[in-house]
């Protein structure tokens, strides 16, 4: 018998969908170029704040949001692939999905980092916030890396979307709905999950955004 179980808290869900919206907006601004690059930079700083928040939340947040709950070793991955891992042992991300999350976060972090040091090689009006701290040739090199890595990031996004579709078609599991509602239908034993207070998430976000604002934009 299946039952509705809360697996994702509001901060984690807001992080996820805000990140999706920011990624799309920054892509749009980069494609438009010109004065739109200023908004691309603002989006990059906002994404850096979100990623820093996710790092904090991955350590001190709700149980299913913590890296320790979904970054699993080879044994857990093998059990999952064999169908031997009960749902209550991986109520949030499964072991493979957990490593996909790590890969996405690392790729986004590196993309944002290169963007912070990147130079606007066309007009030099919209350099990254930290470009002034490095040699111009290095800034231009990081700009090339920033543009090149975006294609790899798109590949990871495509892989992520493909996995969602595969789960929906093959396993008949809707992975999007739980990230919208916070609840997932699970069979068998109900996991006892801990959810952190929303005030802690707000504090983590304020620390992330405030720290980066003073470090990058002042």
Protein backbone atom coordinates (compact mmCIF):
# COMPACT_ATOMS: atom_id res chain seq x y z
CA UNK A 1 0.00 0.00 0.00
CA UNK A 2 1.38 3.39 -1.00
CA UNK A 3 1.14 6.61 0.99
CA UNK A 4 1.89 10.30 0.59
CA UNK A 5 5.13 11.23 2.34
CA UNK A 6 6.67 14.68 2.64
CA UNK A 7 10.22 14.45 1.28
CA UNK A 8 11.16 17.98 0.13
CA UNK A 9 10.95 21.12 2.23
CA UNK A 10 9.99 24.54 0.88
CA UNK A 11 13.55 26.00 0.84
CA UNK A 12 14.84 23.10 -1.28
CA UNK A 13 11.96 23.40 -3.72
CA UNK A 14 12.30 27.18 -3.99
CA UNK A 15 16.03 26.78 -4.58
CA UNK A 16 15.42 24.29 -7.37
CA UNK A 17 12.87 26.33 -9.32
CA UNK A 18 14.62 29.66 -8.77
CA UNK A 19 17.80 28.09 -10.11
CA UNK A 20 15.92 26.87 -13.19
CA UNK A 21 14.43 30.32 -13.80
CA UNK A 22 17.79 32.06 -13.30
CA UNK A 23 19.55 29.66 -15.66
CA UNK A 24 16.99 30.33 -18.40
CA UNK A 25 17.09 34.11 -17.84
CA UNK A 26 20.89 34.24 -17.91
CA UNK A 27 20.98 32.17 -21.10
CA UNK A 28 18.53 34.58 -22.70
CA UNK A 29 20.54 37.64 -21.63
CA UNK A 30 23.80 36.14 -22.87
CA UNK A 31 22.28 35.38 -26.25
CA UNK A 32 20.95 38.94 -26.56
CA UNK A 33 24.30 40.46 -25.64
CA UNK A 34 24.90 44.21 -25.47
CA UNK A 35 23.33 45.90 -22.47
CA UNK A 36 21.60 42.64 -21.58
CA UNK A 37 24.97 41.44 -20.30
CA UNK A 38 24.50 43.64 -17.24
CA UNK A 39 21.46 41.56 -16.28
CA UNK A 40 23.48 38.43 -17.05
CA UNK A 41 26.01 39.59 -14.45
CA UNK A 42 23.31 40.30 -11.88
CA UNK A 43 21.94 36.83 -12.53
CA UNK A 44 25.39 35.35 -12.03
CA UNK A 45 25.75 36.99 -8.63
CA UNK A 46 22.25 35.79 -7.69
CA UNK A 47 23.13 32.25 -8.80
CA UNK A 48 26.36 32.37 -6.79
CA UNK A 49 24.27 33.30 -3.74
CA UNK A 50 21.90 30.41 -4.40
CA UNK A 51 24.74 27.92 -4.78
CA UNK A 52 26.34 29.11 -1.56
CA UNK A 53 22.96 28.78 0.15
CA UNK A 54 22.64 25.22 -1.19
CA UNK A 55 26.06 24.38 0.22
CA UNK A 56 24.99 25.59 3.66
CA UNK A 57 21.60 23.89 3.37
CA UNK A 58 23.30 20.70 2.26
CA UNK A 59 25.10 20.59 5.60
CA UNK A 60 22.66 22.14 8.07
CA UNK A 61 19.30 21.84 6.33
CA UNK A 62 16.54 19.26 6.24
CA UNK A 63 17.46 15.59 6.13
CA UNK A 64 16.67 14.95 2.46
CA UNK A 65 18.51 18.14 1.45
CA UNK A 66 21.74 17.15 3.18
CA UNK A 67 24.52 15.79 1.03
CA UNK A 68 25.11 13.04 3.57
CA UNK A 69 21.66 11.63 2.81
CA UNK A 70 22.05 11.26 -0.95
CA UNK A 71 25.77 11.21 -1.78
CA UNK A 72 26.23 7.46 -1.47
CA UNK A 73 29.05 5.04 -2.22
CA UNK A 74 29.35 2.22 -4.78
CA UNK A 75 27.58 -0.32 -2.56
CA UNK A 76 24.42 1.78 -2.33
CA UNK A 77 24.53 2.47 -6.07
CA UNK A 78 24.84 -1.26 -6.80
CA UNK A 79 21.95 -2.07 -4.46
CA UNK A 80 19.84 0.57 -6.22
CA UNK A 81 20.66 -0.79 -9.68
CA UNK A 82 19.75 -4.30 -8.52
CA UNK A 83 16.46 -3.05 -7.10
CA UNK A 84 17.53 -4.00 -3.57
CA UNK A 85 17.42 -0.49 -2.04
CA UNK A 86 14.11 0.16 -0.23
CA UNK A 87 12.51 3.56 -0.84
CA UNK A 88 12.64 4.48 2.84
CA UNK A 89 16.46 4.30 2.67
CA UNK A 90 16.53 6.85 -0.16
CA UNK A 91 13.34 8.90 0.19
CA UNK A 92 14.76 11.92 -1.64
CA UNK A 93 17.36 11.47 -4.34
CA UNK A 94 18.33 7.92 -5.21
CA UNK A 95 22.11 7.20 -5.25
CA UNK A 96 22.46 7.87 -8.99
CA UNK A 97 20.31 10.98 -8.83
CA UNK A 98 22.34 12.21 -5.88
CA UNK A 99 25.56 12.13 -7.89
CA UNK A 100 23.77 13.91 -10.75
CA UNK A 101 22.87 16.68 -8.31
CA UNK A 102 26.50 16.94 -7.21
CA UNK A 103 27.67 17.08 -10.85
CA UNK A 104 25.15 19.81 -11.67
CA UNK A 105 26.04 21.91 -8.65
CA UNK A 106 29.78 21.62 -9.31
CA UNK A 107 29.34 22.46 -12.99
CA UNK A 108 27.18 25.49 -12.16
CA UNK A 109 29.64 26.63 -9.49
CA UNK A 110 32.57 26.44 -11.92
CA UNK A 111 30.53 28.20 -14.60
CA UNK A 112 29.65 31.02 -12.22
CA UNK A 113 33.24 31.26 -10.98
CA UNK A 114 34.65 31.69 -14.48
CA UNK A 115 31.92 34.23 -15.20
CA UNK A 116 32.89 36.34 -12.21
CA UNK A 117 36.39 36.75 -13.68
CA UNK A 118 35.30 36.96 -17.33
CA UNK A 119 35.83 40.02 -19.52
CA UNK A 120 33.47 41.57 -22.05
CA UNK A 121 35.84 41.18 -25.00
CA UNK A 122 33.53 43.12 -27.34
CA UNK A 123 33.04 46.41 -25.50
CA UNK A 124 34.71 45.91 -22.08
CA UNK A 125 31.67 47.58 -20.54
CA UNK A 126 30.29 44.52 -18.79
CA UNK A 127 33.21 42.68 -17.21
CA UNK A 128 32.59 40.19 -14.42
CA UNK A 129 32.72 41.64 -10.89
CA UNK A 130 36.16 40.13 -10.21
CA UNK A 131 37.73 40.67 -13.64
CA UNK A 132 39.57 43.75 -12.40
CA UNK A 133 41.54 41.58 -9.98
CA UNK A 134 43.23 39.50 -12.69
CA UNK A 135 45.36 40.20 -15.75
CA UNK A 136 43.35 41.08 -18.88
CA UNK A 137 44.75 38.10 -20.82
CA UNK A 138 43.68 35.73 -18.03
CA UNK A 139 40.23 37.34 -17.94
CA UNK A 140 39.87 36.80 -21.68
CA UNK A 141 41.00 33.17 -21.33
CA UNK A 142 38.43 32.60 -18.59
CA UNK A 143 35.81 34.15 -20.86
CA UNK A 144 36.58 31.50 -23.48
CA UNK A 145 36.37 28.76 -20.84
CA UNK A 146 33.08 30.24 -19.59
CA UNK A 147 31.56 30.06 -23.07
CA UNK A 148 32.96 26.61 -23.82
CA UNK A 149 31.80 25.05 -20.56
CA UNK A 150 28.26 26.24 -21.15
CA UNK A 151 27.87 23.58 -23.85
CA UNK A 152 28.86 20.91 -21.34
CA UNK A 153 26.41 22.37 -18.85
CA UNK A 154 23.65 22.15 -21.44
CA UNK A 155 24.59 18.49 -21.87
CA UNK A 156 24.12 17.87 -18.15
CA UNK A 157 20.77 19.64 -18.23
CA UNK A 158 19.69 17.48 -21.17
CA UNK A 159 20.78 14.35 -19.29
CA UNK A 160 18.82 15.49 -16.24
CA UNK A 161 15.67 16.07 -18.29
CA UNK A 162 16.12 12.74 -20.07
CA UNK A 163 16.32 10.95 -16.70
CA UNK A 164 13.08 12.61 -15.58
CA UNK A 165 11.34 11.51 -18.79
CA UNK A 166 12.76 7.99 -18.47
CA UNK A 167 11.47 7.64 -14.93
CA UNK A 168 8.06 8.85 -16.05
CA UNK A 169 7.81 6.51 -19.06
CA UNK A 170 9.60 3.39 -17.80
CA UNK A 171 9.17 3.43 -14.02
CA UNK A 172 5.88 5.39 -14.01
CA UNK A 173 7.36 7.76 -11.42
CA UNK A 174 6.71 11.51 -11.59
CA UNK A 175 9.82 13.25 -10.27
CA UNK A 176 8.57 16.76 -11.01
CA UNK A 177 5.43 16.67 -8.87
CA UNK A 178 7.26 16.04 -5.55
CA UNK A 179 9.55 18.98 -6.31
CA UNK A 180 6.44 21.12 -6.71
CA UNK A 181 4.33 19.86 -3.80
CA UNK A 182 7.00 18.43 -1.50
CA UNK A 183 5.13 15.12 -1.28
CA UNK A 184 5.99 11.79 -2.87
CA UNK A 185 3.90 8.62 -3.04
CA UNK A 186 5.88 5.77 -1.50
CA UNK A 187 5.20 2.11 -0.86
CA UNK A 188 6.24 0.16 2.20
CA UNK A 189 7.77 1.57 5.35
CA UNK A 190 7.31 5.30 5.96
CA UNK A 191 10.64 7.07 6.62
CA UNK A 192 11.00 9.27 9.68
CA UNK A 193 12.44 12.48 8.26
CA UNK A 194 13.74 15.61 9.94
CA UNK A 195 12.90 19.01 8.46
CA UNK A 196 14.81 22.14 9.46
CA UNK A 197 12.98 25.34 10.42
CA UNK A 198 12.34 27.84 7.66
CA UNK A 199 14.04 30.56 9.70
CA UNK A 200 17.32 28.69 9.35
CA UNK A 201 16.93 28.71 5.57
CA UNK A 202 16.26 32.45 5.60
CA UNK A 203 19.35 33.04 7.72
CA UNK A 204 21.46 30.90 5.35
CA UNK A 205 20.16 32.84 2.34
CA UNK A 206 20.82 36.22 3.97
CA UNK A 207 24.36 35.18 4.87
CA UNK A 208 24.99 33.92 1.34
CA UNK A 209 23.52 36.91 -0.49
CA UNK A 210 24.86 39.51 1.93
CA UNK A 211 28.36 38.07 1.95
CA UNK A 212 28.58 37.91 -1.83
CA UNK A 213 27.09 41.39 -2.25
CA UNK A 214 29.79 42.97 -0.12
CA UNK A 215 32.52 40.78 -1.61
CA UNK A 216 31.62 41.31 -5.27
CA UNK A 217 29.65 44.48 -5.76
CA UNK A 218 31.19 46.90 -3.28
